[in-house]
Amino acid sequence: MILEIASLQVRPGQAAAFEAAFLQAQAIIASMPGYLGHELQRCLERDDHYMLLVRWRSVQDHEVGFRSSPQYQQWRALLHHFYDPFPTVLHYEAAAGPGLAPAPAGR
């Protein structure tokens, strides 16, 4: 499992419209192969700032499967005009934490 983290800065005054559009858009991403779940978090200290956390089976499911799909064009049309600047998107894998098996010896 990988975790996609997108730092989203929404244009000032557009938070309510963004959240309404995201309610529609989340059905699109949830229908994609390899999708495992997501959360949209609103920042308490910085107005109009969000973090989108999406769990995927693999980076390819996100980068190739989703971003190459016709559904991604719908996602873009619903959400991309809200961002300024365009989001930074990075992928992470678990390194430590509760429930993870210990790393093999020698690693």
Protein backbone atom coordinates (compact mmCIF):
# COMPACT_ATOMS: atom_id res chain seq x y z
CA MET A 1 0.00 0.00 0.00
CA ILE A 2 1.20 3.50 -0.76
CA LEU A 3 -0.08 6.82 0.52
CA GLU A 4 -0.47 9.72 -1.87
CA ILE A 5 -0.29 13.07 -0.08
CA ALA A 6 -1.37 16.20 -1.93
CA SER A 7 -0.92 19.62 -0.31
CA LEU A 8 -3.81 21.74 -1.63
CA GLN A 9 -3.96 25.52 -1.42
CA VAL A 10 -7.44 26.63 -2.48
CA ARG A 11 -7.98 30.12 -3.89
CA PRO A 12 -9.10 32.56 -1.15
CA GLY A 13 -12.83 32.54 -0.54
CA GLN A 14 -13.36 29.32 -2.51
CA ALA A 15 -13.24 26.78 0.35
CA ALA A 16 -16.99 26.10 0.50
CA ALA A 17 -17.25 25.66 -3.28
CA PHE A 18 -14.15 23.43 -3.26
CA GLU A 19 -15.58 21.20 -0.53
CA ALA A 20 -18.88 20.91 -2.42
CA ALA A 21 -17.04 19.95 -5.62
CA PHE A 22 -14.90 17.47 -3.71
CA LEU A 23 -18.05 15.71 -2.47
CA GLN A 24 -18.79 14.95 -6.13
CA ALA A 25 -15.20 14.19 -7.11
CA GLN A 26 -14.58 11.67 -4.34
CA ALA A 27 -16.98 9.22 -5.99
CA ILE A 28 -14.77 9.32 -9.09
CA ILE A 29 -11.55 8.43 -7.32
CA ALA A 30 -13.27 5.82 -5.15
CA SER A 31 -14.34 3.93 -8.28
CA MET A 32 -10.78 3.48 -9.59
CA PRO A 33 -8.91 0.16 -9.61
CA GLY A 34 -6.30 0.06 -6.85
CA TYR A 35 -8.05 2.70 -4.73
CA LEU A 36 -8.09 1.76 -1.03
CA GLY A 37 -9.45 4.90 0.70
CA HIS A 38 -9.01 8.63 1.18
CA GLU A 39 -9.34 11.57 3.57
CA LEU A 40 -9.56 15.29 2.94
CA GLN A 41 -8.22 17.26 5.90
CA ARG A 42 -8.80 21.02 6.39
CA CYS A 43 -6.01 22.98 8.09
CA LEU A 44 -6.91 24.80 11.30
CA GLU A 45 -4.04 27.30 11.16
CA ARG A 46 -4.00 28.21 7.46
CA ASP A 47 -7.20 29.29 5.76
CA ASP A 48 -8.00 27.55 2.50
CA HIS A 49 -5.30 24.88 3.01
CA TYR A 50 -6.07 21.15 2.78
CA MET A 51 -4.24 17.84 2.71
CA LEU A 52 -5.62 15.06 0.54
CA LEU A 53 -4.53 11.59 1.65
CA VAL A 54 -5.28 8.74 -0.76
CA ARG A 55 -4.35 5.13 -0.17
CA TRP A 56 -3.53 3.15 -3.31
CA ARG A 57 -2.44 -0.43 -3.87
CA SER A 58 0.52 0.86 -5.93
CA VAL A 59 2.00 4.04 -7.39
CA GLN A 60 1.07 2.71 -10.84
CA ASP A 61 -2.60 2.51 -9.84
CA HIS A 62 -2.46 6.26 -9.18
CA GLU A 63 0.04 7.57 -11.72
CA VAL A 64 -0.94 5.37 -14.67
CA GLY A 65 -4.36 3.88 -13.91
CA PHE A 66 -6.09 6.97 -12.53
CA ARG A 67 -4.21 9.78 -14.25
CA SER A 68 -4.51 8.12 -17.68
CA SER A 69 -8.23 7.45 -17.31
CA PRO A 70 -11.20 9.38 -18.69
CA GLN A 71 -12.37 9.69 -15.07
CA TYR A 72 -9.30 11.80 -14.29
CA GLN A 73 -10.52 14.38 -16.80
CA GLN A 74 -13.77 14.64 -14.81
CA TRP A 75 -11.74 14.97 -11.57
CA ARG A 76 -9.65 17.74 -13.15
CA ALA A 77 -12.71 19.62 -14.38
CA LEU A 78 -14.30 19.54 -10.93
CA LEU A 79 -11.25 20.47 -8.84
CA HIS A 80 -8.16 21.84 -10.57
CA HIS A 81 -9.47 25.38 -11.04
CA PHE A 82 -9.60 25.82 -7.24
CA TYR A 83 -5.83 25.46 -6.71
CA ASP A 84 -3.26 28.26 -6.54
CA PRO A 85 -0.52 27.18 -6.77
CA PHE A 86 -0.98 23.76 -8.30
CA PRO A 87 -0.59 21.02 -5.65
CA THR A 88 2.53 19.11 -4.80
CA VAL A 89 1.76 15.38 -4.88
CA LEU A 90 4.11 12.82 -3.32
CA HIS A 91 3.88 9.09 -2.60
CA TYR A 92 4.90 7.39 0.64
CA GLU A 93 5.26 3.84 1.94
CA ALA A 94 5.15 2.74 5.55
CA ALA A 95 8.53 2.69 7.31
CA ALA A 96 7.52 2.29 10.96
CA GLY A 97 4.48 2.31 13.18
CA PRO A 98 2.04 0.16 15.10
CA GLY A 99 1.03 -2.98 13.30
CA LEU A 100 4.00 -3.08 10.95
CA ALA A 101 6.19 -6.15 10.94
CA PRO A 102 9.76 -5.48 12.15
CA ALA A 103 12.31 -4.84 9.41
CA PRO A 104 14.38 -7.88 8.45
CA ALA A 105 17.75 -8.22 10.20
CA GLY A 106 20.57 -6.44 8.41
CA ARG A 107 18.38 -3.71 7.00
